[in-house]
N, C-alpha and C. Protein backbone atom coordinates (compact mmCIF):
# COMPACT_ATOMS: atom_id res chain seq x y z
N MET A 1 105.31 142.01 123.65
CA MET A 1 106.61 143.59 123.45
C MET A 1 107.37 143.20 121.56
N VAL A 2 107.58 143.76 120.81
CA VAL A 2 107.90 143.53 118.97
C VAL A 2 108.94 143.57 119.89
N ASN A 3 110.30 142.54 118.95
CA ASN A 3 111.71 143.40 119.46
C ASN A 3 112.06 142.60 120.87
N GLY A 4 111.54 142.38 121.48
CA GLY A 4 111.89 142.44 123.68
C GLY A 4 113.17 141.68 123.27
N ARG A 5 112.84 140.23 122.47
CA ARG A 5 113.97 139.36 122.83
C ARG A 5 115.34 139.14 122.01
N ARG A 6 116.67 139.83 122.10
CA ARG A 6 117.20 139.63 121.12
C ARG A 6 118.60 138.99 121.84
N LEU A 7 119.19 138.62 120.82
CA LEU A 7 120.61 137.81 121.72
C LEU A 7 121.85 138.86 121.73
N PRO A 8 122.31 138.12 122.05
CA PRO A 8 123.32 138.86 123.39
C PRO A 8 124.47 139.43 122.44
N ALA A 9 124.51 140.77 122.98
CA ALA A 9 126.47 141.23 121.63
C ALA A 9 127.10 140.50 121.93
N TYR A 10 128.14 140.17 120.36
CA TYR A 10 129.09 139.66 120.48
C TYR A 10 130.33 140.35 119.37
N ASN A 11 131.61 139.55 119.61
CA ASN A 11 132.44 141.05 118.76
C ASN A 11 133.55 139.83 117.82
N SER A 12 133.69 139.97 116.95
CA SER A 12 134.91 139.15 116.31
C SER A 12 135.94 140.23 115.50
N ALA A 13 136.74 139.49 115.14
CA ALA A 13 138.03 140.16 114.68
C ALA A 13 138.31 138.99 112.87
N ASP A 14 138.68 139.70 111.68
CA ASP A 14 139.56 138.92 110.85
C ASP A 14 140.04 139.89 110.32
N ILE A 15 141.17 138.57 109.51
CA ILE A 15 141.88 139.57 109.33
C ILE A 15 142.75 138.53 107.91
N ARG A 16 142.87 139.65 106.75
CA ARG A 16 143.64 139.10 105.07
C ARG A 16 145.13 139.94 105.10
N ILE A 17 145.42 138.53 104.05
CA ILE A 17 146.64 138.68 103.71
C ILE A 17 146.79 138.75 102.71
N ASP A 18 146.88 140.45 101.30
CA ASP A 18 146.58 139.61 99.50
C ASP A 18 148.17 140.12 99.66
N LYS A 19 148.60 139.39 97.58
CA LYS A 19 149.38 140.26 97.69
C LYS A 19 148.85 139.93 95.68
N LYS A 20 149.64 140.81 95.47
CA LYS A 20 148.97 140.30 93.84
C LYS A 20 150.18 141.23 93.13
N TRP A 21 150.43 140.81 91.98
CA TRP A 21 151.23 140.84 90.66
C TRP A 21 150.30 141.43 89.76
N ASN A 22 150.96 142.30 89.51
CA ASN A 22 150.90 143.66 88.20
C ASN A 22 151.50 143.11 87.11
N LEU A 23 150.65 142.03 85.54
CA LEU A 23 150.98 141.01 84.54
C LEU A 23 151.14 142.76 83.76
N ARG A 24 151.76 141.73 81.84
CA ARG A 24 151.38 142.54 81.00
C ARG A 24 149.74 143.06 80.98
N ARG A 25 148.64 141.20 80.74
CA ARG A 25 147.54 141.65 79.74
C ARG A 25 147.25 141.21 81.16
N PHE A 26 147.07 141.29 82.63
CA PHE A 26 145.79 141.10 83.12
C PHE A 26 146.85 140.69 84.60
N THR A 27 145.82 141.38 86.05
CA THR A 27 146.47 140.27 87.38
C THR A 27 145.80 139.56 88.34
N LEU A 28 147.20 139.23 88.85
CA LEU A 28 146.55 137.83 89.73
C LEU A 28 147.12 138.70 91.20
N ASP A 29 145.98 138.26 91.89
CA ASP A 29 146.02 138.31 93.58
C ASP A 29 145.78 137.10 94.07
N LEU A 30 146.39 136.74 95.35
CA LEU A 30 146.34 135.96 95.93
C LEU A 30 146.17 136.07 97.48
N PHE A 31 145.17 134.99 98.08
CA PHE A 31 144.87 135.80 98.80
C PHE A 31 144.25 134.44 100.42
N ILE A 32 144.94 134.80 101.58
CA ILE A 32 145.17 134.28 102.99
C ILE A 32 143.78 135.29 104.03
N ASP A 33 142.17 134.85 104.12
CA ASP A 33 142.08 135.47 105.16
C ASP A 33 140.91 134.65 106.07
N VAL A 34 141.08 135.08 107.18
CA VAL A 34 140.38 134.42 108.55
C VAL A 34 139.72 135.03 109.36
N GLN A 35 138.42 134.08 109.38
CA GLN A 35 137.28 135.36 110.20
C GLN A 35 136.69 134.58 111.26
N ASN A 36 137.26 135.52 112.20
CA ASN A 36 137.11 135.05 113.45
C ASN A 36 137.87 134.94 114.06
N PHE A 37 139.27 135.77 113.61
CA PHE A 37 140.94 135.13 113.76
C PHE A 37 141.32 134.01 115.53
N TYR A 38 140.44 134.62 116.64
CA TYR A 38 140.43 134.86 117.81
C TYR A 38 139.75 134.12 118.07
N ALA A 39 138.22 133.14 118.23
CA ALA A 39 137.71 132.50 118.78
C ALA A 39 136.62 132.83 119.28
N SER A 40 136.22 134.07 118.54
CA SER A 40 134.64 134.77 120.03
C SER A 40 133.46 134.21 120.32
N LYS A 41 132.83 134.06 121.20
CA LYS A 41 131.81 132.88 121.24
C LYS A 41 130.50 133.96 120.45
N SER A 42 129.77 133.88 119.57
CA SER A 42 128.47 134.35 118.95
C SER A 42 127.94 134.15 119.50
N ALA A 43 126.47 134.00 119.52
CA ALA A 43 124.99 133.27 119.97
C ALA A 43 124.56 133.25 118.68
N GLY A 44 124.06 132.45 118.04
CA GLY A 44 123.13 132.70 116.56
C GLY A 44 121.54 132.16 117.31
N THR A 45 120.47 132.34 117.11
CA THR A 45 118.91 132.10 116.84
C THR A 45 118.87 130.80 117.21
N PRO A 46 118.54 130.33 118.57
CA PRO A 46 118.26 129.61 119.37
C PRO A 46 117.46 128.29 118.97
N GLN A 47 117.58 126.55 118.12
CA GLN A 47 116.86 125.33 118.18
C GLN A 47 116.70 125.15 119.04
N TYR A 48 115.47 124.02 118.42
CA TYR A 48 114.91 123.41 119.48
C TYR A 48 114.75 122.06 118.68
N THR A 49 114.81 120.98 119.67
CA THR A 49 113.72 119.42 119.06
C THR A 49 113.14 119.23 119.82
N PHE A 50 112.85 117.58 120.22
CA PHE A 50 112.06 117.25 121.29
C PHE A 50 112.57 116.44 121.90
N ARG A 51 112.22 116.22 123.99
CA ARG A 51 113.56 115.59 124.69
C ARG A 51 112.64 114.42 124.08
N ARG A 52 114.45 113.54 124.64
CA ARG A 52 113.93 112.19 124.37
C ARG A 52 114.50 111.36 125.75
N ASN A 53 113.81 110.14 126.12
CA ASN A 53 114.50 109.23 126.18
C ASN A 53 116.40 108.98 127.60
N SER A 54 116.43 108.25 127.87
CA SER A 54 117.64 108.86 128.22
C SER A 54 118.79 107.36 127.43
N ASP A 55 118.13 106.64 126.51
CA ASP A 55 118.99 106.33 125.58
C ASP A 55 118.71 106.15 123.47
N ASN A 56 117.95 108.11 124.01
CA ASN A 56 118.33 108.51 122.94
C ASN A 56 117.17 107.59 121.55
N ALA A 57 116.16 106.75 122.27
CA ALA A 57 115.83 106.10 120.72
C ALA A 57 114.08 106.36 120.84
N ALA A 58 113.51 107.05 121.80
CA ALA A 58 112.86 107.68 121.43
C ALA A 58 111.84 108.62 121.83
N PHE A 59 110.86 109.38 121.23
CA PHE A 59 110.84 111.27 122.47
C PHE A 59 109.64 110.68 122.98
N ILE A 60 109.63 111.50 124.45
CA ILE A 60 109.65 111.49 126.23
C ILE A 60 107.99 112.57 125.53
N THR A 61 107.52 111.53 125.51
CA THR A 61 105.97 112.38 125.28
C THR A 61 105.05 113.16 126.89
N THR A 62 104.04 113.87 126.67
CA THR A 62 103.33 114.52 127.93
C THR A 62 102.63 112.92 127.84
N ASP A 63 102.10 112.27 127.01
CA ASP A 63 100.66 111.04 127.64
C ASP A 63 101.47 109.42 127.05
N GLY A 64 102.72 109.83 126.80
CA GLY A 64 103.54 108.39 126.71
C GLY A 64 103.25 107.32 124.98
N GLN A 65 102.76 107.82 124.94
CA GLN A 65 102.45 107.65 123.15
C GLN A 65 103.34 107.99 122.29
N PRO A 66 103.75 107.57 121.02
CA PRO A 66 104.25 108.34 119.63
C PRO A 66 103.85 109.69 120.39
N VAL A 67 104.79 110.37 118.96
CA VAL A 67 104.51 111.49 118.95
C VAL A 67 103.35 111.95 117.96
N LYS A 68 102.80 113.20 118.05
CA LYS A 68 101.15 112.56 117.70
C LYS A 68 101.93 113.77 116.04
N ILE A 69 100.87 113.77 114.86
CA ILE A 69 101.47 114.55 113.70
C ILE A 69 102.15 115.66 114.36
N ASN A 70 100.84 116.44 114.48
CA ASN A 70 100.86 117.74 115.01
C ASN A 70 101.69 118.12 116.22
N CYS A 71 102.30 117.54 117.12
CA CYS A 71 103.50 117.31 117.97
C CYS A 71 102.82 117.78 119.48
N SER A 72 101.46 118.12 119.22
CA SER A 72 100.60 118.06 120.44
C SER A 72 101.74 117.86 121.63
N ASN A 73 102.21 116.65 121.74
CA ASN A 73 101.93 115.72 123.01
C ASN A 73 103.39 115.74 123.18
N ALA A 74 104.89 116.11 122.18
CA ALA A 74 105.57 116.41 122.44
C ALA A 74 106.50 117.02 123.44
N ILE A 75 107.36 117.39 124.19
CA ILE A 75 107.67 118.11 124.90
C ILE A 75 109.53 118.86 124.63
N PRO A 76 108.53 119.89 124.06
CA PRO A 76 110.18 120.72 123.76
C PRO A 76 111.67 121.01 123.83
N TYR A 77 112.56 120.59 124.03
CA TYR A 77 114.03 121.07 124.01
C TYR A 77 114.90 122.11 124.17
N ILE A 78 115.22 123.36 124.47
CA ILE A 78 115.54 124.08 123.50
C ILE A 78 117.85 124.25 123.04
N LEU A 79 117.97 123.74 122.41
CA LEU A 79 119.11 123.55 122.49
C LEU A 79 120.23 124.72 121.71
N ASP A 80 121.82 125.02 122.73
CA ASP A 80 122.20 126.41 123.06
C ASP A 80 122.67 126.21 121.65
N ASN A 81 122.80 127.90 121.02
CA ASN A 81 123.35 128.00 119.73
C ASN A 81 124.95 128.79 119.40
N VAL A 82 125.76 127.99 120.22
CA VAL A 82 126.85 129.43 120.09
C VAL A 82 127.94 129.29 119.30
N ASN A 83 127.99 129.90 119.16
CA ASN A 83 129.28 129.46 117.63
C ASN A 83 130.82 129.87 117.76
N ARG A 84 132.21 129.36 117.50
CA ARG A 84 133.20 129.98 117.65
C ARG A 84 134.02 129.32 116.10
N THR A 85 134.03 129.18 115.31
CA THR A 85 133.91 128.54 114.14
C THR A 85 135.04 129.48 113.00
N VAL A 86 135.93 129.33 113.50
CA VAL A 86 137.07 130.04 113.20
C VAL A 86 137.89 129.04 111.34
N LEU A 87 137.00 130.32 110.21
CA LEU A 87 137.42 129.95 108.79
C LEU A 87 137.86 130.44 108.21
N PRO A 88 138.59 130.26 108.11
CA PRO A 88 140.21 129.79 107.03
C PRO A 88 139.56 129.89 105.81
N THR A 89 140.46 130.89 104.28
CA THR A 89 139.56 131.29 103.11
C THR A 89 140.96 131.50 102.62
N ILE A 90 141.38 130.95 101.42
CA ILE A 90 142.10 130.98 100.83
C ILE A 90 142.19 130.89 98.99
N GLY A 91 142.36 131.44 99.03
CA GLY A 91 142.21 132.31 97.07
C GLY A 91 142.95 132.89 96.04
N PHE A 92 142.57 133.28 94.67
CA PHE A 92 142.80 133.55 93.75
C PHE A 92 142.28 134.56 93.58
N ILE A 93 142.53 135.65 92.79
CA ILE A 93 141.44 136.30 91.63
C ILE A 93 142.84 136.88 90.69
N VAL A 94 141.43 137.10 89.53
CA VAL A 94 142.35 137.27 87.77
C VAL A 94 141.37 138.06 87.69
N GLU A 95 142.24 139.56 87.28
CA GLU A 95 141.33 140.31 86.69
C GLU A 95 142.23 140.73 85.17
N PHE A 96 142.00 141.10 84.17
CA PHE A 96 142.07 140.18 83.30
C PHE A 96 141.63 142.45 82.60
């Protein structure tokens, strides 16, 4: 089915504070911007790797041999991709 699997719904909020000075020949705008300021969880596309042994030294395979070039004997392992990143930005804009 096309578009049968979707990521879960999420929400986030951003906040921005600006201070603008209008000078004779240019305008200076300083800002502080925070994206996802309350650290809401958002799910991304899942990533995958191959299952490893207990000491993380080698991949586990279905036939006990090293992983083939086409990876047909490797055992896939899905990694969750949940993000709670809060991204602050400080900047300025100069307009002539």
